[in-house]
């Protein structure tokens, strides 16, 4: 049984990016251009340590190394791709479940 309903599947399928080779691969959520996004904290003078901004999920792609999520930096708008998991990268149904969670969390933060 699928954990992703038909409406969400359509939303996810609409985010598929066919040409991914010009989108850099990263091994975490850090923007390869400015380094301002990710899981963790940055030090801001006068404010102390604040959480790094989270990248925005803007799509996904299918590569020879498995499925990858495509994110965009909210600071410099650079796109980058990242597996985001090890277990879902070769299972489309599980990968869609992972994207669904990302989208729902992202919608909730907006």
N, C-alpha and C. Protein backbone atom coordinates (compact mmCIF):
# COMPACT_ATOMS: atom_id res chain seq x y z
N UNK A 1 0.84 -1.18 0.00
CA UNK A 1 0.00 0.00 0.00
C UNK A 1 0.88 1.25 0.00
N UNK A 2 0.53 2.18 -0.83
CA UNK A 2 1.29 3.42 -0.97
C UNK A 2 0.97 4.40 0.15
N UNK A 3 2.00 5.06 0.65
CA UNK A 3 1.78 6.10 1.66
C UNK A 3 1.57 7.46 1.01
N UNK A 4 1.75 7.54 -0.31
CA UNK A 4 1.60 8.79 -1.05
C UNK A 4 0.29 8.72 -1.84
N UNK A 5 -0.63 9.65 -1.56
CA UNK A 5 -1.91 9.63 -2.27
C UNK A 5 -1.74 10.15 -3.70
N UNK A 6 -2.76 9.97 -4.52
CA UNK A 6 -2.68 10.32 -5.94
C UNK A 6 -2.42 11.80 -6.17
N UNK A 7 -3.04 12.65 -5.37
CA UNK A 7 -2.85 14.09 -5.52
C UNK A 7 -1.38 14.48 -5.25
N UNK A 8 -0.81 13.90 -4.20
CA UNK A 8 0.58 14.19 -3.87
C UNK A 8 1.51 13.62 -4.93
N UNK A 9 1.20 12.43 -5.47
CA UNK A 9 2.02 11.85 -6.54
C UNK A 9 2.07 12.78 -7.74
N UNK A 10 0.94 13.37 -8.10
CA UNK A 10 0.90 14.31 -9.22
C UNK A 10 1.77 15.53 -8.92
N UNK A 11 1.69 16.02 -7.71
CA UNK A 11 2.50 17.18 -7.30
C UNK A 11 3.99 16.84 -7.41
N UNK A 12 4.36 15.66 -6.93
CA UNK A 12 5.76 15.24 -6.95
C UNK A 12 6.23 15.00 -8.38
N UNK A 13 5.42 14.33 -9.19
CA UNK A 13 5.80 14.04 -10.57
C UNK A 13 6.01 15.33 -11.36
N UNK A 14 5.24 16.37 -11.04
CA UNK A 14 5.39 17.67 -11.72
C UNK A 14 6.72 18.34 -11.39
N UNK A 15 7.38 17.91 -10.33
CA UNK A 15 8.65 18.49 -9.92
C UNK A 15 9.86 17.81 -10.56
N UNK A 16 9.63 16.77 -11.37
CA UNK A 16 10.75 16.03 -11.95
C UNK A 16 11.56 16.91 -12.90
N UNK A 17 12.86 16.87 -12.72
CA UNK A 17 13.80 17.62 -13.55
C UNK A 17 14.52 16.61 -14.43
N UNK A 18 14.39 16.77 -15.74
CA UNK A 18 14.98 15.82 -16.68
C UNK A 18 16.48 15.98 -16.81
N UNK A 19 16.94 17.19 -17.02
CA UNK A 19 18.38 17.44 -17.21
C UNK A 19 18.99 17.90 -15.89
N UNK A 20 19.78 17.04 -15.30
CA UNK A 20 20.34 17.32 -13.97
C UNK A 20 21.84 17.54 -13.99
N UNK A 21 22.51 17.26 -15.11
CA UNK A 21 23.97 17.26 -15.13
C UNK A 21 24.59 18.62 -14.81
N UNK A 22 23.86 19.70 -15.03
CA UNK A 22 24.39 21.03 -14.71
C UNK A 22 24.07 21.46 -13.28
N UNK A 23 23.38 20.61 -12.53
CA UNK A 23 23.06 20.89 -11.13
C UNK A 23 24.11 20.19 -10.28
N UNK A 24 24.91 20.94 -9.52
CA UNK A 24 25.98 20.30 -8.75
C UNK A 24 25.46 19.36 -7.67
N UNK A 25 26.22 18.28 -7.45
CA UNK A 25 25.92 17.32 -6.39
C UNK A 25 26.64 17.75 -5.12
N UNK A 26 25.95 17.67 -3.99
CA UNK A 26 26.56 17.93 -2.69
C UNK A 26 26.29 16.74 -1.79
N UNK A 27 27.07 16.60 -0.72
CA UNK A 27 26.86 15.45 0.17
C UNK A 27 26.16 15.85 1.46
N UNK A 28 25.60 17.05 1.50
CA UNK A 28 24.78 17.49 2.63
C UNK A 28 23.89 18.64 2.15
N UNK A 29 23.32 19.40 3.05
CA UNK A 29 22.40 20.46 2.66
C UNK A 29 23.08 21.83 2.53
N UNK A 30 24.41 21.83 2.41
CA UNK A 30 25.14 23.09 2.32
C UNK A 30 25.21 23.56 0.88
N UNK A 31 24.82 24.80 0.64
CA UNK A 31 24.88 25.37 -0.70
C UNK A 31 26.32 25.38 -1.19
N UNK A 32 26.59 24.85 -2.39
CA UNK A 32 27.95 24.81 -2.90
C UNK A 32 28.47 26.18 -3.32
N UNK A 33 27.59 27.14 -3.47
CA UNK A 33 27.99 28.47 -3.91
C UNK A 33 28.32 29.39 -2.74
N UNK A 34 27.38 29.54 -1.79
CA UNK A 34 27.59 30.49 -0.70
C UNK A 34 27.82 29.83 0.66
N UNK A 35 27.46 28.55 0.79
CA UNK A 35 27.66 27.83 2.04
C UNK A 35 26.74 28.25 3.16
N UNK A 36 25.70 29.01 2.85
CA UNK A 36 24.83 29.59 3.88
C UNK A 36 23.68 28.68 4.33
N UNK A 37 23.42 27.58 3.64
CA UNK A 37 22.30 26.73 4.03
C UNK A 37 22.80 25.45 4.67
N UNK A 38 21.88 24.73 5.30
CA UNK A 38 22.25 23.43 5.82
C UNK A 38 21.63 23.10 7.15
N UNK A 39 22.03 21.96 7.67
CA UNK A 39 21.66 21.56 9.02
C UNK A 39 22.79 22.03 9.91
N UNK A 40 22.48 22.86 10.86
CA UNK A 40 23.53 23.36 11.74
C UNK A 40 23.34 24.84 12.00
N UNK A 41 24.41 25.46 12.42
CA UNK A 41 24.35 26.84 12.86
C UNK A 41 25.47 27.66 12.24
N UNK A 42 25.23 28.97 12.16
CA UNK A 42 26.27 29.91 11.74
C UNK A 42 26.38 30.98 12.82
N UNK A 43 27.55 31.56 12.93
CA UNK A 43 27.74 32.62 13.92
C UNK A 43 27.53 33.97 13.24
N UNK A 44 26.66 34.77 13.85
CA UNK A 44 26.39 36.12 13.36
C UNK A 44 26.80 37.08 14.47
N UNK A 45 27.70 37.99 14.14
CA UNK A 45 28.17 38.95 15.14
C UNK A 45 27.00 39.70 15.75
N UNK A 46 26.98 39.75 17.06
CA UNK A 46 25.92 40.44 17.78
C UNK A 46 24.69 39.59 18.05
N UNK A 47 24.56 38.49 17.31
CA UNK A 47 23.38 37.62 17.49
C UNK A 47 23.76 36.25 18.04
N UNK A 48 25.02 35.90 17.93
CA UNK A 48 25.46 34.58 18.38
C UNK A 48 25.22 33.54 17.31
N UNK A 49 24.98 32.31 17.74
CA UNK A 49 24.76 31.21 16.81
C UNK A 49 23.28 31.12 16.48
N UNK A 50 22.99 31.13 15.19
CA UNK A 50 21.61 31.01 14.73
C UNK A 50 21.53 29.85 13.73
N UNK A 51 20.35 29.23 13.63
CA UNK A 51 20.23 28.11 12.68
C UNK A 51 20.48 28.58 11.24
N UNK A 52 21.16 27.74 10.47
CA UNK A 52 21.34 28.03 9.05
C UNK A 52 19.97 27.93 8.36
N UNK A 53 19.74 28.76 7.35
CA UNK A 53 18.48 28.63 6.59
C UNK A 53 18.43 27.27 5.89
N UNK A 54 17.25 26.70 5.82
CA UNK A 54 17.10 25.42 5.15
C UNK A 54 16.93 25.64 3.66
N UNK A 55 17.55 24.79 2.85
CA UNK A 55 17.33 24.90 1.40
C UNK A 55 15.90 24.49 1.07
N UNK A 56 15.42 24.95 -0.07
CA UNK A 56 14.04 24.71 -0.49
C UNK A 56 14.02 23.58 -1.52
N UNK A 57 13.21 22.57 -1.27
CA UNK A 57 13.05 21.48 -2.23
C UNK A 57 12.30 22.02 -3.45
N UNK A 58 12.94 21.97 -4.61
CA UNK A 58 12.31 22.49 -5.83
C UNK A 58 12.10 21.42 -6.89
N UNK A 59 12.61 20.22 -6.65
CA UNK A 59 12.43 19.17 -7.64
C UNK A 59 13.18 17.90 -7.27
N UNK A 60 13.22 16.99 -8.22
CA UNK A 60 13.94 15.73 -8.05
C UNK A 60 14.39 15.26 -9.43
N UNK A 61 15.35 14.36 -9.42
CA UNK A 61 15.84 13.84 -10.69
C UNK A 61 16.23 12.37 -10.53
N UNK A 62 16.29 11.72 -11.68
CA UNK A 62 16.69 10.32 -11.73
C UNK A 62 18.08 10.26 -12.36
N UNK A 63 19.04 9.72 -11.63
CA UNK A 63 20.43 9.67 -12.10
C UNK A 63 20.90 8.21 -12.11
N UNK A 64 22.05 7.93 -12.71
CA UNK A 64 22.59 6.58 -12.65
C UNK A 64 22.91 6.14 -11.22
N UNK A 65 23.07 7.10 -10.31
CA UNK A 65 23.34 6.79 -8.90
C UNK A 65 22.08 6.74 -8.06
N UNK A 66 20.93 6.76 -8.70
CA UNK A 66 19.66 6.72 -7.98
C UNK A 66 18.94 8.05 -8.02
N UNK A 67 17.80 8.10 -7.34
CA UNK A 67 16.99 9.31 -7.30
C UNK A 67 17.65 10.33 -6.38
N UNK A 68 17.55 11.61 -6.76
CA UNK A 68 18.10 12.69 -5.95
C UNK A 68 17.09 13.82 -5.84
N UNK A 69 17.13 14.49 -4.72
CA UNK A 69 16.31 15.67 -4.50
C UNK A 69 17.09 16.89 -4.98
N UNK A 70 16.38 17.86 -5.54
CA UNK A 70 17.01 19.09 -5.99
C UNK A 70 16.52 20.22 -5.08
N UNK A 71 17.49 20.92 -4.51
CA UNK A 71 17.20 22.01 -3.58
C UNK A 71 17.68 23.32 -4.17
N UNK A 72 17.12 24.42 -3.63
CA UNK A 72 17.55 25.75 -4.00
C UNK A 72 17.90 26.53 -2.75
N UNK A 73 19.01 27.23 -2.80
CA UNK A 73 19.45 28.05 -1.68
C UNK A 73 18.56 29.29 -1.59
N UNK A 74 17.98 29.58 -0.42
CA UNK A 74 17.14 30.77 -0.29
C UNK A 74 17.95 32.07 -0.26
N UNK A 75 19.26 31.97 -0.16
CA UNK A 75 20.13 33.17 -0.11
C UNK A 75 20.61 33.57 -1.50
N UNK A 76 21.21 32.61 -2.24
CA UNK A 76 21.80 32.95 -3.55
C UNK A 76 21.08 32.28 -4.72
N UNK A 77 20.09 31.44 -4.41
CA UNK A 77 19.24 30.77 -5.41
C UNK A 77 19.97 29.74 -6.27
N UNK A 78 21.12 29.27 -5.79
CA UNK A 78 21.83 28.20 -6.47
C UNK A 78 21.08 26.89 -6.24
N UNK A 79 20.96 26.12 -7.29
CA UNK A 79 20.35 24.79 -7.17
C UNK A 79 21.44 23.76 -6.98
N UNK A 80 21.13 22.74 -6.17
CA UNK A 80 22.05 21.63 -5.97
C UNK A 80 21.25 20.38 -5.69
N UNK A 81 21.87 19.24 -5.94
CA UNK A 81 21.17 17.97 -5.74
C UNK A 81 21.86 17.14 -4.67
N UNK A 82 21.05 16.32 -4.04
CA UNK A 82 21.51 15.55 -2.89
C UNK A 82 20.57 14.35 -2.74
N UNK A 83 21.13 13.19 -2.42
CA UNK A 83 20.27 12.00 -2.24
C UNK A 83 19.29 12.20 -1.10
N UNK A 84 19.75 12.72 0.01
CA UNK A 84 18.86 12.92 1.15
C UNK A 84 18.60 11.66 1.94
N UNK A 85 18.96 10.51 1.39
CA UNK A 85 18.81 9.23 2.10
C UNK A 85 19.61 8.18 1.37
N UNK A 86 19.77 7.08 2.02
CA UNK A 86 20.47 5.98 1.35
C UNK A 86 19.50 4.87 0.96
N UNK A 87 18.45 4.71 1.72
CA UNK A 87 17.55 3.57 1.48
C UNK A 87 16.52 3.84 0.40
N UNK A 88 16.14 5.09 0.18
CA UNK A 88 15.11 5.39 -0.82
C UNK A 88 15.66 5.68 -2.21
N UNK A 89 16.95 5.79 -2.35
CA UNK A 89 17.52 6.27 -3.61
C UNK A 89 17.28 5.34 -4.80
N UNK A 90 16.91 4.08 -4.56
CA UNK A 90 16.64 3.16 -5.65
C UNK A 90 15.22 2.58 -5.61
N UNK A 91 14.37 3.16 -4.79
CA UNK A 91 12.99 2.70 -4.67
C UNK A 91 12.08 3.91 -4.85
N UNK A 92 11.46 4.04 -6.02
CA UNK A 92 10.67 5.23 -6.35
C UNK A 92 9.54 5.48 -5.36
N UNK A 93 8.84 4.44 -4.96
CA UNK A 93 7.73 4.61 -4.02
C UNK A 93 8.21 5.17 -2.68
N UNK A 94 9.28 4.60 -2.16
CA UNK A 94 9.85 5.09 -0.89
C UNK A 94 10.42 6.49 -1.06
N UNK A 95 11.03 6.75 -2.21
CA UNK A 95 11.58 8.08 -2.50
C UNK A 95 10.47 9.12 -2.52
N UNK A 96 9.35 8.80 -3.16
CA UNK A 96 8.21 9.72 -3.17
C UNK A 96 7.70 9.96 -1.74
N UNK A 97 7.72 8.94 -0.90
CA UNK A 97 7.33 9.13 0.50
C UNK A 97 8.25 10.10 1.21
N UNK A 98 9.54 10.03 0.91
CA UNK A 98 10.52 10.94 1.49
C UNK A 98 10.30 12.37 0.99
N UNK A 99 10.04 12.51 -0.31
CA UNK A 99 9.75 13.83 -0.87
C UNK A 99 8.46 14.39 -0.27
N UNK A 100 7.47 13.53 -0.11
CA UNK A 100 6.21 13.97 0.49
C UNK A 100 6.45 14.58 1.87
N UNK A 101 7.25 13.93 2.67
CA UNK A 101 7.56 14.45 4.00
C UNK A 101 8.26 15.80 3.90
N UNK A 102 9.24 15.90 3.00
CA UNK A 102 9.93 17.18 2.81
C UNK A 102 8.95 18.28 2.42
N UNK A 103 8.06 18.00 1.47
CA UNK A 103 7.11 19.00 1.02
C UNK A 103 6.14 19.41 2.12
N UNK A 104 5.65 18.43 2.88
CA UNK A 104 4.70 18.75 3.96
C UNK A 104 5.38 19.60 5.04
N UNK A 105 6.61 19.28 5.39
CA UNK A 105 7.35 20.08 6.37
C UNK A 105 7.62 21.48 5.82
N UNK A 106 7.97 21.54 4.56
CA UNK A 106 8.23 22.84 3.92
C UNK A 106 6.97 23.68 3.87
N UNK A 107 5.84 23.06 3.53
CA UNK A 107 4.56 23.78 3.51
C UNK A 107 4.21 24.31 4.90
N UNK A 108 4.51 23.49 5.91
CA UNK A 108 4.19 23.87 7.29
C UNK A 108 5.03 25.05 7.75
N UNK A 109 6.29 25.13 7.29
CA UNK A 109 7.18 26.23 7.67
C UNK A 109 6.82 27.53 6.98
N UNK A 110 6.17 27.43 5.85
CA UNK A 110 5.84 28.65 5.05
C UNK A 110 4.78 29.49 5.70
